[in-house]
Amino acid sequence: MYYFLLFLLFLLLLLHIPMSEIFEITLLSLQVSTLATLISLLIGLPFGTWLALGNFRGRSFMLSIVNTGMALPPVVVGLVVAITLWRSGPLGGLHLIYTPIAIIIAQTIISAPVVMGLTSAALESLDPRLQQQLLGLGASRPQMIWMLWREARLPLLAALMAGFGSVISEVGASMMVGGNIKDQTRVLTTAIVLETSKGEFGNALALSALLLTLTYLINLALTLIQQKGHKK
């Protein structure tokens, strides 16, 4: 791990991009992807719980929609968001196109179905008698749901990691709705595409190594939390 970090530092020093710009691009990447993942969690956790515990007509259809959404092509999401936020679009008056907020919106749409689907699968994998036992012991429905979340915390953390992974490495939607504007909406993935198109493969490789390192470190931290919970 230390040798890899030293190698990454060596690559960054060889870049023909100012370190201040690299820091800005990296920080924006983390900001938009983290916010998109957190918003997806706020949407996906309750909705996935509702799908897992609910017993209503059309549930199978809703689950199929969510499962299909887990494989949404990012470029399709980018196209729909771009049309919606375009100047002549329904939300064009908000002037959000080519802003970090537009990227967050697109990434949230990509990540939310992943969190929903994996949350629903995690809760459905629990013993169905557990719900009745908790209710029989006097737990209210919110308390019962909280206990189910605690019981399924390991796969729920996996859902969080999958949601984050689906957006930190995303490029199509970010390019379409963000525009890859320097000092405004350029993130690591779009910067890699730009450097590749310019033939600056050394820059593209160094930025790719930086992206992989960040993704690994964040997932390592979440994995350690997950394994700590498993030991308990």
C-alpha atoms as a PDB file:
ATOM      1  CA  MET A   1       0.000   0.000   0.000  1.00  0.00           C
ATOM      2  CA  TYR A   2       2.796   2.433   0.903  1.00  0.00           C
ATOM      3  CA  TYR A   3       4.663   1.625  -2.311  1.00  0.00           C
ATOM      4  CA  PHE A   4       1.504   2.271  -4.299  1.00  0.00           C
ATOM      5  CA  LEU A   5       1.008   5.654  -2.634  1.00  0.00           C
ATOM      6  CA  LEU A   6       4.634   6.575  -3.356  1.00  0.00           C
ATOM      7  CA  PHE A   7       4.172   5.534  -6.965  1.00  0.00           C
ATOM      8  CA  LEU A   8       0.987   7.626  -7.146  1.00  0.00           C
ATOM      9  CA  LEU A   9       2.828  10.634  -5.729  1.00  0.00           C
ATOM     10  CA  PHE A  10       5.562  10.133  -8.320  1.00  0.00           C
ATOM     11  CA  LEU A  11       2.968  10.079 -11.113  1.00  0.00           C
ATOM     12  CA  LEU A  12       1.302  13.241  -9.817  1.00  0.00           C
ATOM     13  CA  LEU A  13       4.628  15.048  -9.741  1.00  0.00           C
ATOM     14  CA  LEU A  14       5.076  14.234 -13.434  1.00  0.00           C
ATOM     15  CA  LEU A  15       1.698  15.719 -14.352  1.00  0.00           C
ATOM     16  CA  HIS A  16       1.521  18.736 -16.623  1.00  0.00           C
ATOM     17  CA  ILE A  17      -1.412  19.958 -14.542  1.00  0.00           C
ATOM     18  CA  PRO A  18      -0.939  22.352 -11.592  1.00  0.00           C
ATOM     19  CA  MET A  19      -1.331  20.635  -8.212  1.00  0.00           C
ATOM     20  CA  SER A  20      -3.849  23.282  -7.185  1.00  0.00           C
ATOM     21  CA  GLU A  21      -6.055  22.276 -10.127  1.00  0.00           C
ATOM     22  CA  ILE A  22      -5.695  18.578  -9.277  1.00  0.00           C
ATOM     23  CA  PHE A  23      -6.716  19.301  -5.687  1.00  0.00           C
ATOM     24  CA  GLU A  24      -9.727  21.300  -6.857  1.00  0.00           C
ATOM     25  CA  ILE A  25     -10.837  18.570  -9.262  1.00  0.00           C
ATOM     26  CA  THR A  26     -10.401  15.873  -6.605  1.00  0.00           C
ATOM     27  CA  LEU A  27     -12.261  17.854  -3.960  1.00  0.00           C
ATOM     28  CA  LEU A  28     -15.191  18.526  -6.298  1.00  0.00           C
ATOM     29  CA  SER A  29     -15.334  14.837  -7.244  1.00  0.00           C
ATOM     30  CA  LEU A  30     -15.561  13.830  -3.586  1.00  0.00           C
ATOM     31  CA  GLN A  31     -18.094  16.544  -2.792  1.00  0.00           C
ATOM     32  CA  VAL A  32     -20.581  15.759  -5.556  1.00  0.00           C
ATOM     33  CA  SER A  33     -20.292  11.963  -5.242  1.00  0.00           C
ATOM     34  CA  THR A  34     -20.569  12.016  -1.433  1.00  0.00           C
ATOM     35  CA  LEU A  35     -23.598  14.326  -1.505  1.00  0.00           C
ATOM     36  CA  ALA A  36     -25.248  12.240  -4.234  1.00  0.00           C
ATOM     37  CA  THR A  37     -24.635   9.058  -2.215  1.00  0.00           C
ATOM     38  CA  LEU A  38     -26.025  10.574   0.999  1.00  0.00           C
ATOM     39  CA  ILE A  39     -29.139  11.843  -0.787  1.00  0.00           C
ATOM     40  CA  SER A  40     -29.537   8.409  -2.389  1.00  0.00           C
ATOM     41  CA  LEU A  41     -29.307   6.863   1.076  1.00  0.00           C
ATOM     42  CA  LEU A  42     -31.986   9.209   2.430  1.00  0.00           C
ATOM     43  CA  ILE A  43     -34.250   8.222  -0.478  1.00  0.00           C
ATOM     44  CA  GLY A  44     -33.281   4.609  -0.978  1.00  0.00           C
ATOM     45  CA  LEU A  45     -33.226   3.380   2.624  1.00  0.00           C
ATOM     46  CA  PRO A  46     -36.873   4.205   3.496  1.00  0.00           C
ATOM     47  CA  PHE A  47     -38.175   3.360   0.017  1.00  0.00           C
ATOM     48  CA  GLY A  48     -36.303   0.052  -0.062  1.00  0.00           C
ATOM     49  CA  THR A  49     -37.611  -0.729   3.432  1.00  0.00           C
ATOM     50  CA  TRP A  50     -41.160   0.010   2.289  1.00  0.00           C
ATOM     51  CA  LEU A  51     -40.751  -2.354  -0.647  1.00  0.00           C
ATOM     52  CA  ALA A  52     -39.252  -5.101   1.526  1.00  0.00           C
ATOM     53  CA  LEU A  53     -41.812  -4.951   4.331  1.00  0.00           C
ATOM     54  CA  GLY A  54     -44.869  -3.825   2.399  1.00  0.00           C
ATOM     55  CA  ASN A  55     -47.624  -6.116   1.207  1.00  0.00           C
ATOM     56  CA  PHE A  56     -49.534  -4.245  -1.442  1.00  0.00           C
ATOM     57  CA  ARG A  57     -50.776  -4.684  -4.965  1.00  0.00           C
ATOM     58  CA  GLY A  58     -48.159  -3.872  -7.569  1.00  0.00           C
ATOM     59  CA  ARG A  59     -45.213  -4.573  -5.261  1.00  0.00           C
ATOM     60  CA  SER A  60     -43.594  -6.964  -7.729  1.00  0.00           C
ATOM     61  CA  PHE A  61     -43.941  -4.358 -10.464  1.00  0.00           C
ATOM     62  CA  MET A  62     -42.311  -1.704  -8.265  1.00  0.00           C
ATOM     63  CA  LEU A  63     -39.450  -4.065  -7.431  1.00  0.00           C
ATOM     64  CA  SER A  64     -38.919  -4.777 -11.129  1.00  0.00           C
ATOM     65  CA  ILE A  65     -38.740  -1.026 -11.822  1.00  0.00           C
ATOM     66  CA  VAL A  66     -36.167  -0.564  -9.043  1.00  0.00           C
ATOM     67  CA  ASN A  67     -34.113  -3.533 -10.240  1.00  0.00           C
ATOM     68  CA  THR A  68     -34.179  -2.142 -13.764  1.00  0.00           C
ATOM     69  CA  GLY A  69     -33.090   1.218 -12.368  1.00  0.00           C
ATOM     70  CA  MET A  70     -30.007  -0.437 -10.886  1.00  0.00           C
ATOM     71  CA  ALA A  71     -28.749  -0.878 -14.448  1.00  0.00           C
ATOM     72  CA  LEU A  72     -29.699   2.575 -15.730  1.00  0.00           C
ATOM     73  CA  PRO A  73     -27.228   3.742 -18.416  1.00  0.00           C
ATOM     74  CA  PRO A  74     -25.612   6.950 -17.085  1.00  0.00           C
ATOM     75  CA  VAL A  75     -25.771   8.593 -20.515  1.00  0.00           C
ATOM     76  CA  VAL A  76     -29.551   8.120 -20.570  1.00  0.00           C
ATOM     77  CA  VAL A  77     -29.807   9.701 -17.128  1.00  0.00           C
ATOM     78  CA  GLY A  78     -27.563  12.536 -18.301  1.00  0.00           C
ATOM     79  CA  LEU A  79     -29.744  13.099 -21.361  1.00  0.00           C
ATOM     80  CA  VAL A  80     -32.989  13.248 -19.355  1.00  0.00           C
ATOM     81  CA  VAL A  81     -31.496  15.561 -16.717  1.00  0.00           C
ATOM     82  CA  ALA A  82     -29.940  17.781 -19.399  1.00  0.00           C
ATOM     83  CA  ILE A  83     -33.263  18.126 -21.239  1.00  0.00           C
ATOM     84  CA  THR A  84     -35.028  18.895 -17.959  1.00  0.00           C
ATOM     85  CA  LEU A  85     -32.506  21.529 -16.854  1.00  0.00           C
ATOM     86  CA  TRP A  86     -31.860  23.029 -20.294  1.00  0.00           C
ATOM     87  CA  ARG A  87     -32.795  26.672 -20.759  1.00  0.00           C
ATOM     88  CA  SER A  88     -35.920  25.702 -22.707  1.00  0.00           C
ATOM     89  CA  GLY A  89     -36.642  22.724 -20.425  1.00  0.00           C
ATOM     90  CA  PRO A  90     -39.215  22.449 -17.611  1.00  0.00           C
ATOM     91  CA  LEU A  91     -36.666  23.531 -14.972  1.00  0.00           C
ATOM     92  CA  GLY A  92     -34.559  25.758 -17.194  1.00  0.00           C
ATOM     93  CA  GLY A  93     -35.486  28.813 -15.159  1.00  0.00           C
ATOM     94  CA  LEU A  94     -33.446  27.466 -12.245  1.00  0.00           C
ATOM     95  CA  HIS A  95     -30.225  27.835 -14.297  1.00  0.00           C
ATOM     96  CA  LEU A  96     -28.785  24.592 -12.945  1.00  0.00           C
ATOM     97  CA  ILE A  97     -27.387  23.180 -16.168  1.00  0.00           C
ATOM     98  CA  TYR A  98     -23.577  23.004 -16.187  1.00  0.00           C
ATOM     99  CA  THR A  99     -23.338  23.379 -12.419  1.00  0.00           C
ATOM    100  CA  PRO A 100     -22.212  20.946  -9.684  1.00  0.00           C
ATOM    101  CA  ILE A 101     -25.856  20.702  -8.563  1.00  0.00           C
ATOM    102  CA  ALA A 102     -26.773  19.260 -11.958  1.00  0.00           C
ATOM    103  CA  ILE A 103     -24.099  16.588 -11.524  1.00  0.00           C
ATOM    104  CA  ILE A 104     -25.413  15.768  -8.045  1.00  0.00           C
ATOM    105  CA  ILE A 105     -28.952  15.408  -9.420  1.00  0.00           C
ATOM    106  CA  ALA A 106     -27.794  13.048 -12.176  1.00  0.00           C
ATOM    107  CA  GLN A 107     -25.631  10.985  -9.838  1.00  0.00           C
ATOM    108  CA  THR A 108     -28.446  10.724  -7.293  1.00  0.00           C
ATOM    109  CA  ILE A 109     -30.751   9.301  -9.974  1.00  0.00           C
ATOM    110  CA  ILE A 110     -28.051   6.746 -10.828  1.00  0.00           C
ATOM    111  CA  SER A 111     -27.267   5.786  -7.226  1.00  0.00           C
ATOM    112  CA  ALA A 112     -30.733   5.804  -5.628  1.00  0.00           C
ATOM    113  CA  PRO A 113     -32.064   2.646  -7.354  1.00  0.00           C
ATOM    114  CA  VAL A 114     -28.897   0.781  -6.333  1.00  0.00           C
ATOM    115  CA  VAL A 115     -29.452   1.668  -2.670  1.00  0.00           C
ATOM    116  CA  MET A 116     -33.194   0.902  -2.917  1.00  0.00           C
ATOM    117  CA  GLY A 117     -32.710  -2.496  -4.520  1.00  0.00           C
ATOM    118  CA  LEU A 118     -29.948  -3.664  -2.199  1.00  0.00           C
ATOM    119  CA  THR A 119     -31.800  -2.362   0.878  1.00  0.00           C
ATOM    120  CA  SER A 120     -34.903  -4.275  -0.137  1.00  0.00           C
ATOM    121  CA  ALA A 121     -32.877  -7.443  -0.784  1.00  0.00           C
ATOM    122  CA  ALA A 122     -31.039  -7.099   2.547  1.00  0.00           C
ATOM    123  CA  LEU A 123     -34.245  -6.813   4.575  1.00  0.00           C
ATOM    124  CA  GLU A 124     -36.021  -9.561   2.653  1.00  0.00           C
ATOM    125  CA  SER A 125     -33.138 -11.921   3.489  1.00  0.00           C
ATOM    126  CA  LEU A 126     -33.915 -11.617   7.221  1.00  0.00           C
ATOM    127  CA  ASP A 127     -36.064 -14.198   8.976  1.00  0.00           C
ATOM    128  CA  PRO A 128     -39.681 -13.018   8.443  1.00  0.00           C
ATOM    129  CA  ARG A 129     -40.542 -14.187  11.965  1.00  0.00           C
ATOM    130  CA  LEU A 130     -38.253 -11.496  13.355  1.00  0.00           C
ATOM    131  CA  GLN A 131     -40.805  -8.784  12.578  1.00  0.00           C
ATOM    132  CA  GLN A 132     -43.532 -10.593  14.482  1.00  0.00           C
ATOM    133  CA  GLN A 133     -41.223 -11.263  17.411  1.00  0.00           C
ATOM    134  CA  LEU A 134     -40.284  -7.593  17.705  1.00  0.00           C
ATOM    135  CA  LEU A 135     -43.906  -6.458  17.455  1.00  0.00           C
ATOM    136  CA  GLY A 136     -44.916  -9.141  19.945  1.00  0.00           C
ATOM    137  CA  LEU A 137     -42.356  -7.775  22.419  1.00  0.00           C
ATOM    138  CA  GLY A 138     -44.089  -4.403  22.284  1.00  0.00           C
ATOM    139  CA  ALA A 139     -41.917  -2.589  19.755  1.00  0.00           C
ATOM    140  CA  SER A 140     -43.598   0.112  17.713  1.00  0.00           C
ATOM    141  CA  ARG A 141     -43.307  -0.049  13.918  1.00  0.00           C
ATOM    142  CA  PRO A 142     -40.522   2.591  13.785  1.00  0.00           C
ATOM    143  CA  GLN A 143     -38.659   0.694  16.523  1.00  0.00           C
ATOM    144  CA  MET A 144     -39.153  -2.557  14.628  1.00  0.00           C
ATOM    145  CA  ILE A 145     -37.764  -1.025  11.431  1.00  0.00           C
ATOM    146  CA  TRP A 146     -34.778   0.386  13.327  1.00  0.00           C
ATOM    147  CA  MET A 147     -34.001  -3.058  14.766  1.00  0.00           C
ATOM    148  CA  LEU A 148     -34.280  -4.627  11.312  1.00  0.00           C
ATOM    149  CA  TRP A 149     -31.842  -2.040   9.966  1.00  0.00           C
ATOM    150  CA  ARG A 150     -29.414  -2.900  12.767  1.00  0.00           C
ATOM    151  CA  GLU A 151     -29.801  -6.602  12.043  1.00  0.00           C
ATOM    152  CA  ALA A 152     -29.107  -6.018   8.343  1.00  0.00           C
ATOM    153  CA  ARG A 153     -26.392  -3.392   8.885  1.00  0.00           C
ATOM    154  CA  LEU A 154     -23.694  -5.366   7.052  1.00  0.00           C
ATOM    155  CA  PRO A 155     -25.540  -5.704   3.718  1.00  0.00           C
ATOM    156  CA  LEU A 156     -26.816  -2.145   4.148  1.00  0.00           C
ATOM    157  CA  LEU A 157     -23.225  -0.939   4.341  1.00  0.00           C
ATOM    158  CA  ALA A 158     -22.589  -2.939   1.181  1.00  0.00           C
ATOM    159  CA  ALA A 159     -25.490  -1.050  -0.419  1.00  0.00           C
ATOM    160  CA  LEU A 160     -23.846   2.217   0.603  1.00  0.00           C
ATOM    161  CA  MET A 161     -20.536   1.148  -0.946  1.00  0.00           C
ATOM    162  CA  ALA A 162     -22.264   0.056  -4.143  1.00  0.00           C
ATOM    163  CA  GLY A 163     -24.136   3.355  -4.353  1.00  0.00           C
ATOM    164  CA  PHE A 164     -20.943   5.349  -3.908  1.00  0.00           C
ATOM    165  CA  GLY A 165     -19.072   3.192  -6.392  1.00  0.00           C
ATOM    166  CA  SER A 166     -21.753   3.719  -9.033  1.00  0.00           C
ATOM    167  CA  VAL A 167     -21.258   7.503  -9.005  1.00  0.00           C
ATOM    168  CA  ILE A 168     -17.597   8.169  -8.155  1.00  0.00           C
ATOM    169  CA  SER A 169     -16.580   6.375 -11.367  1.00  0.00           C
ATOM    170  CA  GLU A 170     -19.409   7.753 -13.515  1.00  0.00           C
ATOM    171  CA  VAL A 171     -18.483   9.946 -16.491  1.00  0.00           C
ATOM    172  CA  GLY A 172     -21.284  10.074 -19.097  1.00  0.00           C
ATOM    173  CA  ALA A 173     -23.933  11.912 -17.107  1.00  0.00           C
ATOM    174  CA  SER A 174     -21.383  14.186 -15.417  1.00  0.00           C
ATOM    175  CA  MET A 175     -20.038  15.242 -18.797  1.00  0.00           C
ATOM    176  CA  MET A 176     -23.493  15.882 -20.255  1.00  0.00           C
ATOM    177  CA  VAL A 177     -24.996  17.912 -17.414  1.00  0.00           C
ATOM    178  CA  GLY A 178     -21.793  19.446 -16.032  1.00  0.00           C
ATOM    179  CA  GLY A 179     -20.027  20.319 -19.246  1.00  0.00           C
ATOM    180  CA  ASN A 180     -16.531  19.576 -17.860  1.00  0.00           C
ATOM    181  CA  ILE A 181     -15.930  23.286 -17.259  1.00  0.00           C
ATOM    182  CA  LYS A 182     -12.558  24.144 -15.753  1.00  0.00           C
ATOM    183  CA  ASP A 183     -12.719  25.470 -12.166  1.00  0.00           C
ATOM    184  CA  GLN A 184     -16.485  24.837 -12.090  1.00  0.00           C
ATOM    185  CA  THR A 185     -17.680  21.344 -12.990  1.00  0.00           C
ATOM    186  CA  ARG A 186     -14.573  19.361 -13.918  1.00  0.00           C
ATOM    187  CA  VAL A 187     -14.287  16.161 -11.880  1.00  0.00           C
ATOM    188  CA  LEU A 188     -11.739  13.356 -12.016  1.00  0.00           C
ATOM    189  CA  THR A 189     -13.595  11.170 -14.516  1.00  0.00           C
ATOM    190  CA  THR A 190     -14.279  13.996 -16.970  1.00  0.00           C
ATOM    191  CA  ALA A 191     -10.704  15.242 -16.561  1.00  0.00           C
ATOM    192  CA  ILE A 192      -9.452  11.756 -17.499  1.00  0.00           C
ATOM    193  CA  VAL A 193     -11.585  11.798 -20.659  1.00  0.00           C
ATOM    194  CA  LEU A 194     -10.294  15.277 -21.531  1.00  0.00           C
ATOM    195  CA  GLU A 195      -6.634  14.331 -21.093  1.00  0.00           C
ATOM    196  CA  THR A 196      -7.146  11.164 -23.147  1.00  0.00           C
ATOM    197  CA  SER A 197      -8.764  13.137 -25.978  1.00  0.00           C
ATOM    198  CA  LYS A 198      -5.732  15.472 -25.957  1.00  0.00           C
ATOM    199  CA  GLY A 199      -3.347  12.518 -26.180  1.00  0.00           C
ATOM    200  CA  GLU A 200      -1.930  13.260 -22.720  1.00  0.00           C
ATOM    201  CA  PHE A 201      -1.970   9.612 -21.654  1.00  0.00           C
ATOM    202  CA  GLY A 202       0.473  10.179 -18.803  1.00  0.00           C
ATOM    203  CA  ASN A 203      -1.886  12.723 -17.239  1.00  0.00           C
ATOM    204  CA  ALA A 204      -4.852  10.421 -17.820  1.00  0.00           C
ATOM    205  CA  LEU A 205      -3.058   7.476 -16.172  1.00  0.00           C
ATOM    206  CA  ALA A 206      -2.025   9.545 -13.155  1.00  0.00           C
ATOM    207  CA  LEU A 207      -5.553  10.873 -12.681  1.00  0.00           C
ATOM    208  CA  SER A 208      -6.914   7.345 -13.079  1.00  0.00           C
ATOM    209  CA  ALA A 209      -4.527   6.116 -10.376  1.00  0.00           C
ATOM    210  CA  LEU A 210      -5.678   8.951  -8.118  1.00  0.00           C
ATOM    211  CA  LEU A 211      -9.332   8.054  -8.712  1.00  0.00           C
ATOM    212  CA  LEU A 212      -8.685   4.377  -7.984  1.00  0.00           C
ATOM    213  CA  THR A 213      -6.779   5.272  -4.817  1.00  0.00           C
ATOM    214  CA  LEU A 214      -9.563   7.495  -3.492  1.00  0.00           C
ATOM    215  CA  THR A 215     -12.187   4.867  -4.273  1.00  0.00           C
ATOM    216  CA  TYR A 216     -10.114   2.183  -2.580  1.00  0.00           C
ATOM    217  CA  LEU A 217      -9.454   4.226   0.564  1.00  0.00           C
ATOM    218  CA  ILE A 218     -13.127   5.155   1.002  1.00  0.00           C
ATOM    219  CA  ASN A 219     -14.278   1.579   0.450  1.00  0.00           C
ATOM    220  CA  LEU A 220     -11.520   0.335   2.765  1.00  0.00           C
ATOM    221  CA  ALA A 221     -12.842   2.572   5.535  1.00  0.00           C
ATOM    222  CA  LEU A 222     -16.406   1.348   4.976  1.00  0.00           C
ATOM    223  CA  THR A 223     -15.214  -2.269   4.832  1.00  0.00           C
ATOM    224  CA  LEU A 224     -13.389  -1.899   8.154  1.00  0.00           C
ATOM    225  CA  ILE A 225     -16.592  -0.500   9.680  1.00  0.00           C
ATOM    226  CA  GLN A 226     -18.511  -3.404   8.159  1.00  0.00           C
ATOM    227  CA  GLN A 227     -16.092  -6.027   9.494  1.00  0.00           C
ATOM    228  CA  LYS A 228     -16.075  -4.382  12.902  1.00  0.00           C
ATOM    229  CA  GLY A 229     -19.851  -4.722  12.974  1.00  0.00           C
ATOM    230  CA  HIS A 230     -19.552  -8.356  11.859  1.00  0.00           C
ATOM    231  CA  LYS A 231     -17.262  -9.205  14.778  1.00  0.00           C
ATOM    232  CA  LYS A 232     -19.831  -7.831  17.201  1.00  0.00           C
END
